[in-house]
Amino acid sequence: MDDITPIYHNPFGVAFQWKRNSIKDTSKIQIVFRDTGLLLTEKELVQFQKNIECTMNSNALCKDCQQHETCRSLLLDTPAPQITLAMNLKELNAVHDLVEGTLFQLNLDSYLNRMCGGNEN
């Protein structure tokens, strides 16, 4: 935990920033859930949020499906156009909370830094 700055977590995953690492970009946000890790800029995270909302609104669940809660029939586009994640409804809601909470915390931290005269850089 000494190498990361936690941003937000829920039972499904965690979001953090690397403190220092020559391999990782410390300005990017690492989102880890299920067996997936995404290293995203804040702009990419906002795009991912939009992709999640689009998938949530798509009503892509099979009609009359008895297993719609656990069936991974929802395809979620990531900010990398060549990568799409198959998710069930419960996972989609959990990743939505993870991304929303992360963006909220980043915006709150930025606001507090501006109001308290802190330097973001």
PDB file of N, CA and C in Angstrom:
ATOM      1  N   MET A   1       0.805  -1.203   0.000  1.00  0.00           N
ATOM      2  CA  MET A   1       0.000   0.000   0.000  1.00  0.00           C
ATOM      3  C   MET A   1       0.849   1.269   0.000  1.00  0.00           C
ATOM      4  N   ASP A   2       2.157   1.122   0.244  1.00  0.00           N
ATOM      5  CA  ASP A   2       3.023   2.292   0.241  1.00  0.00           C
ATOM      6  C   ASP A   2       3.240   2.859  -1.156  1.00  0.00           C
ATOM      7  N   ASP A   3       3.013   2.041  -2.184  1.00  0.00           N
ATOM      8  CA  ASP A   3       3.255   2.471  -3.559  1.00  0.00           C
ATOM      9  C   ASP A   3       2.052   3.124  -4.214  1.00  0.00           C
ATOM     10  N   ILE A   4       0.896   3.121  -3.531  1.00  0.00           N
ATOM     11  CA  ILE A   4      -0.314   3.654  -4.146  1.00  0.00           C
ATOM     12  C   ILE A   4      -1.002   4.676  -3.252  1.00  0.00           C
ATOM     13  N   THR A   5      -1.792   5.526  -3.906  1.00  0.00           N
ATOM     14  CA  THR A   5      -2.682   6.448  -3.213  1.00  0.00           C
ATOM     15  C   THR A   5      -4.103   6.009  -3.538  1.00  0.00           C
ATOM     16  N   PRO A   6      -4.800   5.393  -2.558  1.00  0.00           N
ATOM     17  CA  PRO A   6      -6.171   4.942  -2.820  1.00  0.00           C
ATOM     18  C   PRO A   6      -7.084   6.128  -3.131  1.00  0.00           C
ATOM     19  N   ILE A   7      -8.008   5.915  -4.061  1.00  0.00           N
ATOM     20  CA  ILE A   7      -8.977   6.953  -4.415  1.00  0.00           C
ATOM     21  C   ILE A   7     -10.374   6.537  -3.977  1.00  0.00           C
ATOM     22  N   TYR A   8     -10.789   5.331  -4.367  1.00  0.00           N
ATOM     23  CA  TYR A   8     -12.135   4.864  -4.060  1.00  0.00           C
ATOM     24  C   TYR A   8     -12.147   3.341  -4.186  1.00  0.00           C
ATOM     25  N   HIS A   9     -13.021   2.704  -3.407  1.00  0.00           N
ATOM     26  CA  HIS A   9     -13.188   1.259  -3.547  1.00  0.00           C
ATOM     27  C   HIS A   9     -14.616   0.870  -3.179  1.00  0.00           C
ATOM     28  N   ASN A  10     -15.030  -0.263  -3.688  1.00  0.00           N
ATOM     29  CA  ASN A  10     -16.281  -0.886  -3.303  1.00  0.00           C
ATOM     30  C   ASN A  10     -16.022  -2.387  -3.268  1.00  0.00           C
ATOM     31  N   PRO A  11     -17.001  -3.209  -2.917  1.00  0.00           N
ATOM     32  CA  PRO A  11     -16.739  -4.657  -2.849  1.00  0.00           C
ATOM     33  C   PRO A  11     -16.296  -5.271  -4.184  1.00  0.00           C
ATOM     34  N   PHE A  12     -16.553  -4.595  -5.291  1.00  0.00           N
ATOM     35  CA  PHE A  12     -16.232  -5.120  -6.613  1.00  0.00           C
ATOM     36  C   PHE A  12     -14.817  -4.789  -7.070  1.00  0.00           C
ATOM     37  N   GLY A  13     -14.294  -3.627  -6.638  1.00  0.00           N
ATOM     38  CA  GLY A  13     -12.986  -3.215  -7.131  1.00  0.00           C
ATOM     39  C   GLY A  13     -12.409  -2.039  -6.384  1.00  0.00           C
ATOM     40  N   VAL A  14     -11.313  -1.526  -6.944  1.00  0.00           N
ATOM     41  CA  VAL A  14     -10.581  -0.436  -6.310  1.00  0.00           C
ATOM     42  C   VAL A  14     -10.017   0.491  -7.384  1.00  0.00           C
ATOM     43  N   ALA A  15      -9.892   1.766  -7.014  1.00  0.00           N
ATOM     44  CA  ALA A  15      -9.256   2.762  -7.880  1.00  0.00           C
ATOM     45  C   ALA A  15      -8.155   3.434  -7.077  1.00  0.00           C
ATOM     46  N   PHE A  16      -7.007   3.604  -7.716  1.00  0.00           N
ATOM     47  CA  PHE A  16      -5.881   4.235  -7.038  1.00  0.00           C
ATOM     48  C   PHE A  16      -4.939   4.852  -8.057  1.00  0.00           C
ATOM     49  N   GLN A  17      -3.985   5.632  -7.546  1.00  0.00           N
ATOM     50  CA  GLN A  17      -2.912   6.170  -8.377  1.00  0.00           C
ATOM     51  C   GLN A  17      -1.597   5.654  -7.834  1.00  0.00           C
ATOM     52  N   TRP A  18      -0.694   5.353  -8.746  1.00  0.00           N
ATOM     53  CA  TRP A  18       0.653   4.953  -8.343  1.00  0.00           C
ATOM     54  C   TRP A  18       1.383   6.178  -7.820  1.00  0.00           C
ATOM     55  N   LYS A  19       2.095   6.045  -6.714  1.00  0.00           N
ATOM     56  CA  LYS A  19       2.850   7.174  -6.148  1.00  0.00           C
ATOM     57  C   LYS A  19       4.096   7.465  -6.973  1.00  0.00           C
ATOM     58  N   ARG A  20       4.851   6.420  -7.237  1.00  0.00           N
ATOM     59  CA  ARG A  20       6.061   6.591  -8.036  1.00  0.00           C
ATOM     60  C   ARG A  20       6.399   5.244  -8.652  1.00  0.00           C
ATOM     61  N   ASN A  21       6.664   5.293  -9.899  1.00  0.00           N
ATOM     62  CA  ASN A  21       7.018   4.067 -10.596  1.00  0.00           C
ATOM     63  C   ASN A  21       7.490   4.457 -11.988  1.00  0.00           C
ATOM     64  N   SER A  22       8.633   3.987 -12.369  1.00  0.00           N
ATOM     65  CA  SER A  22       9.171   4.354 -13.673  1.00  0.00           C
ATOM     66  C   SER A  22       8.360   3.738 -14.810  1.00  0.00           C
ATOM     67  N   ILE A  23       7.649   2.643 -14.543  1.00  0.00           N
ATOM     68  CA  ILE A  23       6.884   1.970 -15.589  1.00  0.00           C
ATOM     69  C   ILE A  23       5.495   2.591 -15.735  1.00  0.00           C
ATOM     70  N   LYS A  24       4.865   2.959 -14.631  1.00  0.00           N
ATOM     71  CA  LYS A  24       3.496   3.466 -14.643  1.00  0.00           C
ATOM     72  C   LYS A  24       3.482   4.990 -14.692  1.00  0.00           C
ATOM     73  N   ASP A  25       2.470   5.546 -15.328  1.00  0.00           N
ATOM     74  CA  ASP A  25       2.261   6.984 -15.364  1.00  0.00           C
ATOM     75  C   ASP A  25       1.517   7.374 -14.090  1.00  0.00           C
ATOM     76  N   THR A  26       2.169   8.145 -13.212  1.00  0.00           N
ATOM     77  CA  THR A  26       1.583   8.475 -11.906  1.00  0.00           C
ATOM     78  C   THR A  26       0.380   9.414 -12.002  1.00  0.00           C
ATOM     79  N   SER A  27       0.141  10.039 -13.164  1.00  0.00           N
ATOM     80  CA  SER A  27      -1.032  10.901 -13.293  1.00  0.00           C
ATOM     81  C   SER A  27      -2.271  10.119 -13.715  1.00  0.00           C
ATOM     82  N   LYS A  28      -2.111   8.854 -14.086  1.00  0.00           N
ATOM     83  CA  LYS A  28      -3.244   8.039 -14.506  1.00  0.00           C
ATOM     84  C   LYS A  28      -3.875   7.332 -13.309  1.00  0.00           C
ATOM     85  N   ILE A  29      -5.108   6.913 -13.509  1.00  0.00           N
ATOM     86  CA  ILE A  29      -5.864   6.237 -12.463  1.00  0.00           C
ATOM     87  C   ILE A  29      -5.924   4.750 -12.805  1.00  0.00           C
ATOM     88  N   GLN A  30      -5.548   3.923 -11.861  1.00  0.00           N
ATOM     89  CA  GLN A  30      -5.622   2.469 -12.032  1.00  0.00           C
ATOM     90  C   GLN A  30      -6.952   1.998 -11.465  1.00  0.00           C
ATOM     91  N   ILE A  31      -7.770   1.379 -12.306  1.00  0.00           N
ATOM     92  CA  ILE A  31      -9.040   0.794 -11.890  1.00  0.00           C
ATOM     93  C   ILE A  31      -8.869  -0.718 -11.979  1.00  0.00           C
ATOM     94  N   VAL A  32      -9.137  -1.428 -10.885  1.00  0.00           N
ATOM     95  CA  VAL A  32      -8.990  -2.883 -10.867  1.00  0.00           C
ATOM     96  C   VAL A  32     -10.303  -3.491 -10.380  1.00  0.00           C
ATOM     97  N   PHE A  33     -10.879  -4.375 -11.185  1.00  0.00           N
ATOM     98  CA  PHE A  33     -12.090  -5.101 -10.820  1.00  0.00           C
ATOM     99  C   PHE A  33     -12.078  -6.446 -11.530  1.00  0.00           C
ATOM    100  N   ARG A  34     -12.778  -7.392 -10.917  1.00  0.00           N
ATOM    101  CA  ARG A  34     -12.789  -8.753 -11.440  1.00  0.00           C
ATOM    102  C   ARG A  34     -11.348  -9.169 -11.723  1.00  0.00           C
ATOM    103  N   ASP A  35     -11.019  -9.605 -12.901  1.00  0.00           N
ATOM    104  CA  ASP A  35      -9.632  -9.941 -13.242  1.00  0.00           C
ATOM    105  C   ASP A  35      -9.077  -8.949 -14.250  1.00  0.00           C
ATOM    106  N   THR A  36      -9.546  -7.701 -14.151  1.00  0.00           N
ATOM    107  CA  THR A  36      -9.212  -6.667 -15.124  1.00  0.00           C
ATOM    108  C   THR A  36      -8.584  -5.457 -14.436  1.00  0.00           C
ATOM    109  N   GLY A  37      -7.565  -4.920 -15.051  1.00  0.00           N
ATOM    110  CA  GLY A  37      -6.974  -3.666 -14.598  1.00  0.00           C
ATOM    111  C   GLY A  37      -6.912  -2.698 -15.765  1.00  0.00           C
ATOM    112  N   LEU A  38      -7.404  -1.492 -15.561  1.00  0.00           N
ATOM    113  CA  LEU A  38      -7.349  -0.450 -16.585  1.00  0.00           C
ATOM    114  C   LEU A  38      -6.577   0.742 -16.034  1.00  0.00           C
ATOM    115  N   LEU A  39      -5.586   1.201 -16.765  1.00  0.00           N
ATOM    116  CA  LEU A  39      -4.819   2.380 -16.390  1.00  0.00           C
ATOM    117  C   LEU A  39      -5.273   3.507 -17.305  1.00  0.00           C
ATOM    118  N   LEU A  40      -6.020   4.468 -16.741  1.00  0.00           N
ATOM    119  CA  LEU A  40      -6.713   5.472 -17.539  1.00  0.00           C
ATOM    120  C   LEU A  40      -6.370   6.891 -17.120  1.00  0.00           C
ATOM    121  N   THR A  41      -6.396   7.783 -18.091  1.00  0.00           N
ATOM    122  CA  THR A  41      -6.331   9.206 -17.771  1.00  0.00           C
ATOM    123  C   THR A  41      -7.705   9.607 -17.231  1.00  0.00           C
ATOM    124  N   GLU A  42      -7.807  10.779 -16.664  1.00  0.00           N
ATOM    125  CA  GLU A  42      -9.099  11.230 -16.163  1.00  0.00           C
ATOM    126  C   GLU A  42     -10.092  11.388 -17.322  1.00  0.00           C
ATOM    127  N   LYS A  43      -9.617  11.849 -18.462  1.00  0.00           N
ATOM    128  CA  LYS A  43     -10.470  11.987 -19.645  1.00  0.00           C
ATOM    129  C   LYS A  43     -10.982  10.616 -20.103  1.00  0.00           C
ATOM    130  N   GLU A  44     -10.137   9.611 -20.088  1.00  0.00           N
ATOM    131  CA  GLU A  44     -10.547   8.256 -20.455  1.00  0.00           C
ATOM    132  C   GLU A  44     -11.538   7.685 -19.435  1.00  0.00           C
ATOM    133  N   LEU A  45     -11.351   8.034 -18.169  1.00  0.00           N
ATOM    134  CA  LEU A  45     -12.266   7.581 -17.125  1.00  0.00           C
ATOM    135  C   LEU A  45     -13.658   8.175 -17.341  1.00  0.00           C
ATOM    136  N   VAL A  46     -13.721   9.435 -17.752  1.00  0.00           N
ATOM    137  CA  VAL A  46     -15.009  10.075 -18.061  1.00  0.00           C
ATOM    138  C   VAL A  46     -15.647   9.374 -19.262  1.00  0.00           C
ATOM    139  N   GLN A  47     -14.849   9.024 -20.272  1.00  0.00           N
ATOM    140  CA  GLN A  47     -15.380   8.305 -21.421  1.00  0.00           C
ATOM    141  C   GLN A  47     -15.896   6.932 -21.015  1.00  0.00           C
ATOM    142  N   PHE A  48     -15.173   6.260 -20.127  1.00  0.00           N
ATOM    143  CA  PHE A  48     -15.598   4.955 -19.629  1.00  0.00           C
ATOM    144  C   PHE A  48     -16.931   5.078 -18.892  1.00  0.00           C
ATOM    145  N   GLN A  49     -17.093   6.151 -18.120  1.00  0.00           N
ATOM    146  CA  GLN A  49     -18.353   6.413 -17.427  1.00  0.00           C
ATOM    147  C   GLN A  49     -19.496   6.536 -18.440  1.00  0.00           C
ATOM    148  N   LYS A  50     -19.261   7.239 -19.524  1.00  0.00           N
ATOM    149  CA  LYS A  50     -20.283   7.392 -20.568  1.00  0.00           C
ATOM    150  C   LYS A  50     -20.598   6.052 -21.224  1.00  0.00           C
ATOM    151  N   ASN A  51     -19.569   5.238 -21.456  1.00  0.00           N
ATOM    152  CA  ASN A  51     -19.779   3.912 -22.035  1.00  0.00           C
ATOM    153  C   ASN A  51     -20.632   3.043 -21.114  1.00  0.00           C
ATOM    154  N   ILE A  52     -20.368   3.132 -19.810  1.00  0.00           N
ATOM    155  CA  ILE A  52     -21.134   2.363 -18.832  1.00  0.00           C
ATOM    156  C   ILE A  52     -22.602   2.790 -18.875  1.00  0.00           C
ATOM    157  N   GLU A  53     -22.837   4.089 -18.866  1.00  0.00           N
ATOM    158  CA  GLU A  53     -24.207   4.600 -18.890  1.00  0.00           C
ATOM    159  C   GLU A  53     -24.927   4.201 -20.181  1.00  0.00           C
ATOM    160  N   CYS A  54     -24.208   4.220 -21.286  1.00  0.00           N
ATOM    161  CA  CYS A  54     -24.788   3.801 -22.566  1.00  0.00           C
ATOM    162  C   CYS A  54     -25.185   2.328 -22.513  1.00  0.00           C
ATOM    163  N   THR A  55     -24.323   1.488 -21.954  1.00  0.00           N
ATOM    164  CA  THR A  55     -24.631   0.063 -21.826  1.00  0.00           C
ATOM    165  C   THR A  55     -25.804  -0.149 -20.878  1.00  0.00           C
ATOM    166  N   MET A  56     -25.855   0.612 -19.789  1.00  0.00           N
ATOM    167  CA  MET A  56     -26.957   0.488 -18.836  1.00  0.00           C
ATOM    168  C   MET A  56     -28.290   0.862 -19.480  1.00  0.00           C
ATOM    169  N   ASN A  57     -28.256   1.825 -20.390  1.00  0.00           N
ATOM    170  CA  ASN A  57     -29.476   2.304 -21.041  1.00  0.00           C
ATOM    171  C   ASN A  57     -29.851   1.508 -22.283  1.00  0.00           C
ATOM    172  N   SER A  58     -29.004   0.573 -22.684  1.00  0.00           N
ATOM    173  CA  SER A  58     -29.215  -0.131 -23.949  1.00  0.00           C
ATOM    174  C   SER A  58     -30.292  -1.199 -23.885  1.00  0.00           C
ATOM    175  N   ASN A  59     -30.662  -1.625 -22.671  1.00  0.00           N
ATOM    176  CA  ASN A  59     -31.663  -2.687 -22.526  1.00  0.00           C
ATOM    177  C   ASN A  59     -31.278  -3.920 -23.331  1.00  0.00           C
ATOM    178  N   ALA A  60     -30.015  -4.303 -23.275  1.00  0.00           N
ATOM    179  CA  ALA A  60     -29.510  -5.407 -24.081  1.00  0.00           C
ATOM    180  C   ALA A  60     -29.800  -6.783 -23.484  1.00  0.00           C
ATOM    181  N   LEU A  61     -30.505  -6.832 -22.371  1.00  0.00           N
ATOM    182  CA  LEU A  61     -30.805  -8.130 -21.770  1.00  0.00           C
ATOM    183  C   LEU A  61     -31.788  -8.911 -22.634  1.00  0.00           C
ATOM    184  N   CYS A  62     -31.595 -10.204 -22.665  1.00  0.00           N
ATOM    185  CA  CYS A  62     -32.486 -11.068 -23.434  1.00  0.00           C
ATOM    186  C   CYS A  62     -33.886 -11.043 -22.817  1.00  0.00           C
ATOM    187  N   LYS A  63     -34.882 -10.964 -23.656  1.00  0.00           N
ATOM    188  CA  LYS A  63     -36.263 -10.954 -23.164  1.00  0.00           C
ATOM    189  C   LYS A  63     -36.596 -12.299 -22.535  1.00  0.00           C
ATOM    190  N   ASP A  64     -37.287 -12.244 -21.443  1.00  0.00           N
ATOM    191  CA  ASP A  64     -37.751 -13.434 -20.729  1.00  0.00           C
ATOM    192  C   ASP A  64     -36.617 -14.328 -20.230  1.00  0.00           C
ATOM    193  N   CYS A  65     -35.430 -13.800 -20.109  1.00  0.00           N
ATOM    194  CA  CYS A  65     -34.294 -14.592 -19.621  1.00  0.00           C
ATOM    195  C   CYS A  65     -34.413 -14.755 -18.110  1.00  0.00           C
ATOM    196  N   GLN A  66     -34.306 -15.977 -17.636  1.00  0.00           N
ATOM    197  CA  GLN A  66     -34.392 -16.249 -16.210  1.00  0.00           C
ATOM    198  C   GLN A  66     -33.063 -16.001 -15.497  1.00  0.00           C
ATOM    199  N   GLN A  67     -31.989 -15.860 -16.248  1.00  0.00           N
ATOM    200  CA  GLN A  67     -30.659 -15.698 -15.654  1.00  0.00           C
ATOM    201  C   GLN A  67     -30.046 -14.338 -15.969  1.00  0.00           C
ATOM    202  N   HIS A  68     -30.873 -13.331 -16.197  1.00  0.00           N
ATOM    203  CA  HIS A  68     -30.340 -12.028 -16.604  1.00  0.00           C
ATOM    204  C   HIS A  68     -29.445 -11.380 -15.545  1.00  0.00           C
ATOM    205  N   GLU A  69     -29.575 -11.779 -14.292  1.00  0.00           N
ATOM    206  CA  GLU A  69     -28.721 -11.217 -13.230  1.00  0.00           C
ATOM    207  C   GLU A  69     -27.286 -11.745 -13.319  1.00  0.00           C
ATOM    208  N   THR A  70     -27.122 -12.973 -13.765  1.00  0.00           N
ATOM    209  CA  THR A  70     -25.791 -13.599 -13.774  1.00  0.00           C
ATOM    210  C   THR A  70     -25.225 -13.818 -15.167  1.00  0.00           C
ATOM    211  N   CYS A  71     -26.042 -13.711 -16.187  1.00  0.00           N
ATOM    212  CA  CYS A  71     -25.588 -13.931 -17.561  1.00  0.00           C
ATOM    213  C   CYS A  71     -24.756 -12.735 -18.028  1.00  0.00           C
ATOM    214  N   ARG A  72     -23.605 -12.995 -18.539  1.00  0.00           N
ATOM    215  CA  ARG A  72     -22.720 -11.919 -19.020  1.00  0.00           C
ATOM    216  C   ARG A  72     -23.048 -11.553 -20.463  1.00  0.00           C
ATOM    217  N   SER A  73     -24.254 -11.084 -20.665  1.00  0.00           N
ATOM    218  CA  SER A  73     -24.716 -10.735 -22.004  1.00  0.00           C
ATOM    219  C   SER A  73     -24.525  -9.262 -22.340  1.00  0.00           C
ATOM    220  N   LEU A  74     -24.106  -8.455 -21.371  1.00  0.00           N
ATOM    221  CA  LEU A  74     -23.896  -7.026 -21.596  1.00  0.00           C
ATOM    222  C   LEU A  74     -22.454  -6.783 -22.032  1.00  0.00           C
ATOM    223  N   LEU A  75     -22.289  -6.096 -23.150  1.00  0.00           N
ATOM    224  CA  LEU A  75     -20.951  -5.794 -23.651  1.00  0.00           C
ATOM    225  C   LEU A  75     -20.633  -4.336 -23.360  1.00  0.00           C
ATOM    226  N   LEU A  76     -19.589  -4.122 -22.574  1.00  0.00           N
ATOM    227  CA  LEU A  76     -19.178  -2.787 -22.148  1.00  0.00           C
ATOM    228  C   LEU A  76     -17.906  -2.387 -22.879  1.00  0.00           C
ATOM    229  N   ASP A  77     -17.998  -1.334 -23.679  1.00  0.00           N
ATOM    230  CA  ASP A  77     -16.822  -0.811 -24.374  1.00  0.00           C
ATOM    231  C   ASP A  77     -15.920  -0.089 -23.386  1.00  0.00           C
ATOM    232  N   THR A  78     -14.628  -0.282 -23.533  1.00  0.00           N
ATOM    233  CA  THR A  78     -13.645   0.435 -22.721  1.00  0.00           C
ATOM    234  C   THR A  78     -13.113   1.599 -23.538  1.00  0.00           C
ATOM    235  N   PRO A  79     -12.331   2.496 -22.941  1.00  0.00           N
ATOM    236  CA  PRO A  79     -11.729   3.576 -23.717  1.00  0.00           C
ATOM    237  C   PRO A  79     -10.759   3.072 -24.802  1.00  0.00           C
ATOM    238  N   ALA A  80     -10.295   1.837 -24.674  1.00  0.00           N
ATOM    239  CA  ALA A  80      -9.477   1.224 -25.734  1.00  0.00           C
ATOM    240  C   ALA A  80     -10.457   0.553 -26.695  1.00  0.00           C
ATOM    241  N   PRO A  81     -10.620   1.063 -27.908  1.00  0.00           N
ATOM    242  CA  PRO A  81     -11.666   0.564 -28.799  1.00  0.00           C
ATOM    243  C   PRO A  81     -11.569  -0.927 -29.131  1.00  0.00           C
ATOM    244  N   GLN A  82     -10.407  -1.507 -28.987  1.00  0.00           N
ATOM    245  CA  GLN A  82     -10.251  -2.924 -29.304  1.00  0.00           C
ATOM    246  C   GLN A  82     -10.615  -3.838 -28.131  1.00  0.00           C
ATOM    247  N   ILE A  83     -10.993  -3.270 -26.974  1.00  0.00           N
ATOM    248  CA  ILE A  83     -11.313  -4.081 -25.797  1.00  0.00           C
ATOM    249  C   ILE A  83     -12.744  -3.819 -25.347  1.00  0.00           C
ATOM    250  N   THR A  84     -13.528  -4.903 -25.269  1.00  0.00           N
ATOM    251  CA  THR A  84     -14.896  -4.868 -24.771  1.00  0.00           C
ATOM    252  C   THR A  84     -15.018  -5.899 -23.659  1.00  0.00           C
ATOM    253  N   LEU A  85     -15.700  -5.543 -22.583  1.00  0.00           N
ATOM    254  CA  LEU A  85     -15.865  -6.440 -21.442  1.00  0.00           C
ATOM    255  C   LEU A  85     -17.269  -7.031 -21.433  1.00  0.00           C
ATOM    256  N   ALA A  86     -17.370  -8.333 -21.231  1.00  0.00           N
ATOM    257  CA  ALA A  86     -18.657  -8.996 -21.065  1.00  0.00           C
ATOM    258  C   ALA A  86     -19.004  -8.969 -19.582  1.00  0.00           C
ATOM    259  N   MET A  87     -20.191  -8.446 -19.263  1.00  0.00           N
ATOM    260  CA  MET A  87     -20.591  -8.282 -17.868  1.00  0.00           C
ATOM    261  C   MET A  87     -22.033  -8.696 -17.674  1.00  0.00           C
ATOM    262  N   ASN A  88     -22.355  -9.029 -16.425  1.00  0.00           N
ATOM    263  CA  ASN A  88     -23.758  -9.213 -16.077  1.00  0.00           C
ATOM    264  C   ASN A  88     -24.251  -7.916 -15.441  1.00  0.00           C
ATOM    265  N   LEU A  89     -25.532  -7.848 -15.169  1.00  0.00           N
ATOM    266  CA  LEU A  89     -26.130  -6.622 -14.647  1.00  0.00           C
ATOM    267  C   LEU A  89     -25.539  -6.207 -13.304  1.00  0.00           C
ATOM    268  N   LYS A  90     -25.315  -7.178 -12.432  1.00  0.00           N
ATOM    269  CA  LYS A  90     -24.748  -6.878 -11.112  1.00  0.00           C
ATOM    270  C   LYS A  90     -23.337  -6.294 -11.254  1.00  0.00           C
ATOM    271  N   GLU A  91     -22.524  -6.876 -12.115  1.00  0.00           N
ATOM    272  CA  GLU A  91     -21.165  -6.371 -12.337  1.00  0.00           C
ATOM    273  C   GLU A  91     -21.187  -4.978 -12.961  1.00  0.00           C
ATOM    274  N   LEU A  92     -22.101  -4.772 -13.904  1.00  0.00           N
ATOM    275  CA  LEU A  92     -22.207  -3.459 -14.548  1.00  0.00           C
ATOM    276  C   LEU A  92     -22.564  -2.387 -13.528  1.00  0.00           C
ATOM    277  N   ASN A  93     -23.498  -2.684 -12.638  1.00  0.00           N
ATOM    278  CA  ASN A  93     -23.861  -1.723 -11.588  1.00  0.00           C
ATOM    279  C   ASN A  93     -22.686  -1.467 -10.643  1.00  0.00           C
ATOM    280  N   ALA A  94     -21.921  -2.503 -10.345  1.00  0.00           N
ATOM    281  CA  ALA A  94     -20.775  -2.349  -9.445  1.00  0.00           C
ATOM    282  C   ALA A  94     -19.661  -1.523 -10.086  1.00  0.00           C
ATOM    283  N   VAL A  95     -19.369  -1.764 -11.357  1.00  0.00           N
ATOM    284  CA  VAL A  95     -18.326  -0.976 -12.019  1.00  0.00           C
ATOM    285  C   VAL A  95     -18.797   0.467 -12.213  1.00  0.00           C
ATOM    286  N   HIS A  96     -20.109   0.647 -12.404  1.00  0.00           N
ATOM    287  CA  HIS A  96     -20.667   2.001 -12.489  1.00  0.00           C
ATOM    288  C   HIS A  96     -20.416   2.760 -11.184  1.00  0.00           C
ATOM    289  N   ASP A  97     -20.695   2.117 -10.054  1.00  0.00           N
ATOM    290  CA  ASP A  97     -20.440   2.740  -8.753  1.00  0.00           C
ATOM    291  C   ASP A  97     -18.945   3.033  -8.576  1.00  0.00           C
ATOM    292  N   LEU A  98     -18.106   2.102  -8.991  1.00  0.00           N
ATOM    293  CA  LEU A  98     -16.657   2.280  -8.849  1.00  0.00           C
ATOM    294  C   LEU A  98     -16.167   3.498  -9.630  1.00  0.00           C
ATOM    295  N   VAL A  99     -16.606   3.636 -10.870  1.00  0.00           N
ATOM    296  CA  VAL A  99     -16.180   4.763 -11.706  1.00  0.00           C
ATOM    297  C   VAL A  99     -16.795   6.069 -11.214  1.00  0.00           C
ATOM    298  N   GLU A 100     -18.081   6.052 -10.881  1.00  0.00           N
ATOM    299  CA  GLU A 100     -18.742   7.262 -10.363  1.00  0.00           C
ATOM    300  C   GLU A 100     -18.074   7.739  -9.070  1.00  0.00           C
ATOM    301  N   GLY A 101     -17.814   6.808  -8.161  1.00  0.00           N
ATOM    302  CA  GLY A 101     -17.172   7.163  -6.896  1.00  0.00           C
ATOM    303  C   GLY A 101     -15.767   7.695  -7.092  1.00  0.00           C
ATOM    304  N   THR A 102     -15.055   7.121  -8.038  1.00  0.00           N
ATOM    305  CA  THR A 102     -13.693   7.575  -8.327  1.00  0.00           C
ATOM    306  C   THR A 102     -13.708   8.993  -8.887  1.00  0.00           C
ATOM    307  N   LEU A 103     -14.572   9.249  -9.855  1.00  0.00           N
ATOM    308  CA  LEU A 103     -14.662  10.593 -10.433  1.00  0.00           C
ATOM    309  C   LEU A 103     -15.121  11.612  -9.399  1.00  0.00           C
ATOM    310  N   PHE A 104     -16.070  11.234  -8.550  1.00  0.00           N
ATOM    311  CA  PHE A 104     -16.523  12.128  -7.488  1.00  0.00           C
ATOM    312  C   PHE A 104     -15.359  12.491  -6.570  1.00  0.00           C
ATOM    313  N   GLN A 105     -14.599  11.488  -6.147  1.00  0.00           N
ATOM    314  CA  GLN A 105     -13.480  11.730  -5.231  1.00  0.00           C
ATOM    315  C   GLN A 105     -12.401  12.590  -5.887  1.00  0.00           C
ATOM    316  N   LEU A 106     -12.102  12.341  -7.170  1.00  0.00           N
ATOM    317  CA  LEU A 106     -11.116  13.153  -7.883  1.00  0.00           C
ATOM    318  C   LEU A 106     -11.572  14.607  -7.979  1.00  0.00           C
ATOM    319  N   ASN A 107     -12.853  14.815  -8.291  1.00  0.00           N
ATOM    320  CA  ASN A 107     -13.391  16.179  -8.373  1.00  0.00           C
ATOM    321  C   ASN A 107     -13.407  16.864  -7.007  1.00  0.00           C
ATOM    322  N   LEU A 108     -13.754  16.122  -5.966  1.00  0.00           N
ATOM    323  CA  LEU A 108     -13.753  16.679  -4.614  1.00  0.00           C
ATOM    324  C   LEU A 108     -12.338  17.074  -4.197  1.00  0.00           C
ATOM    325  N   ASP A 109     -11.372  16.194  -4.445  1.00  0.00           N
ATOM    326  CA  ASP A 109      -9.981  16.502  -4.102  1.00  0.00           C
ATOM    327  C   ASP A 109      -9.488  17.732  -4.855  1.00  0.00           C
ATOM    328  N   SER A 110      -9.825  17.829  -6.133  1.00  0.00           N
ATOM    329  CA  SER A 110      -9.425  18.979  -6.937  1.00  0.00           C
ATOM    330  C   SER A 110     -10.046  20.266  -6.396  1.00  0.00           C
ATOM    331  N   TYR A 111     -11.325  20.207  -6.059  1.00  0.00           N
ATOM    332  CA  TYR A 111     -12.023  21.359  -5.503  1.00  0.00           C
ATOM    333  C   TYR A 111     -11.406  21.795  -4.176  1.00  0.00           C
ATOM    334  N   LEU A 112     -11.149  20.836  -3.300  1.00  0.00           N
ATOM    335  CA  LEU A 112     -10.561  21.159  -1.999  1.00  0.00           C
ATOM    336  C   LEU A 112      -9.159  21.743  -2.143  1.00  0.00           C
ATOM    337  N   ASN A 113      -8.398  21.232  -3.078  1.00  0.00           N
ATOM    338  CA  ASN A 113      -7.061  21.775  -3.334  1.00  0.00           C
ATOM    339  C   ASN A 113      -7.134  23.228  -3.804  1.00  0.00           C
ATOM    340  N   ARG A 114      -8.123  23.535  -4.662  1.00  0.00           N
ATOM    341  CA  ARG A 114      -8.282  24.921  -5.145  1.00  0.00           C
ATOM    342  C   ARG A 114      -8.741  25.834  -4.023  1.00  0.00           C
ATOM    343  N   MET A 115      -9.693  25.367  -3.216  1.00  0.00           N
ATOM    344  CA  MET A 115     -10.268  26.188  -2.147  1.00  0.00           C
ATOM    345  C   MET A 115      -9.282  26.414  -1.005  1.00  0.00           C
ATOM    346  N   CYS A 116      -8.451  25.450  -0.769  1.00  0.00           N
ATOM    347  CA  CYS A 116      -7.501  25.547   0.353  1.00  0.00           C
ATOM    348  C   CYS A 116      -6.160  26.102  -0.097  1.00  0.00           C
ATOM    349  N   GLY A 117      -6.077  26.505  -1.343  1.00  0.00           N
ATOM    350  CA  GLY A 117      -4.832  27.084  -1.844  1.00  0.00           C
ATOM    351  C   GLY A 117      -3.742  26.066  -2.092  1.00  0.00           C
ATOM    352  N   GLY A 118      -4.130  24.793  -2.153  1.00  0.00           N
ATOM    353  CA  GLY A 118      -3.152  23.728  -2.414  1.00  0.00           C
ATOM    354  C   GLY A 118      -2.729  23.734  -3.858  1.00  0.00           C
ATOM    355  N   ASN A 119      -1.613  23.104  -4.109  1.00  0.00           N
ATOM    356  CA  ASN A 119      -1.104  22.995  -5.462  1.00  0.00           C
ATOM    357  C   ASN A 119      -1.374  21.589  -5.958  1.00  0.00           C
ATOM    358  N   GLU A 120      -2.105  21.446  -7.079  1.00  0.00           N
ATOM    359  CA  GLU A 120      -2.427  20.128  -7.609  1.00  0.00           C
ATOM    360  C   GLU A 120      -1.233  19.464  -8.266  1.00  0.00           C
ATOM    361  N   ASN A 121      -0.274  20.199  -8.704  1.00  0.00           N
ATOM    362  CA  ASN A 121       0.877  19.603  -9.396  1.00  0.00           C
ATOM    363  C   ASN A 121       1.984  19.292  -8.456  1.00  0.00           C
TER     364      ASN A 121
END
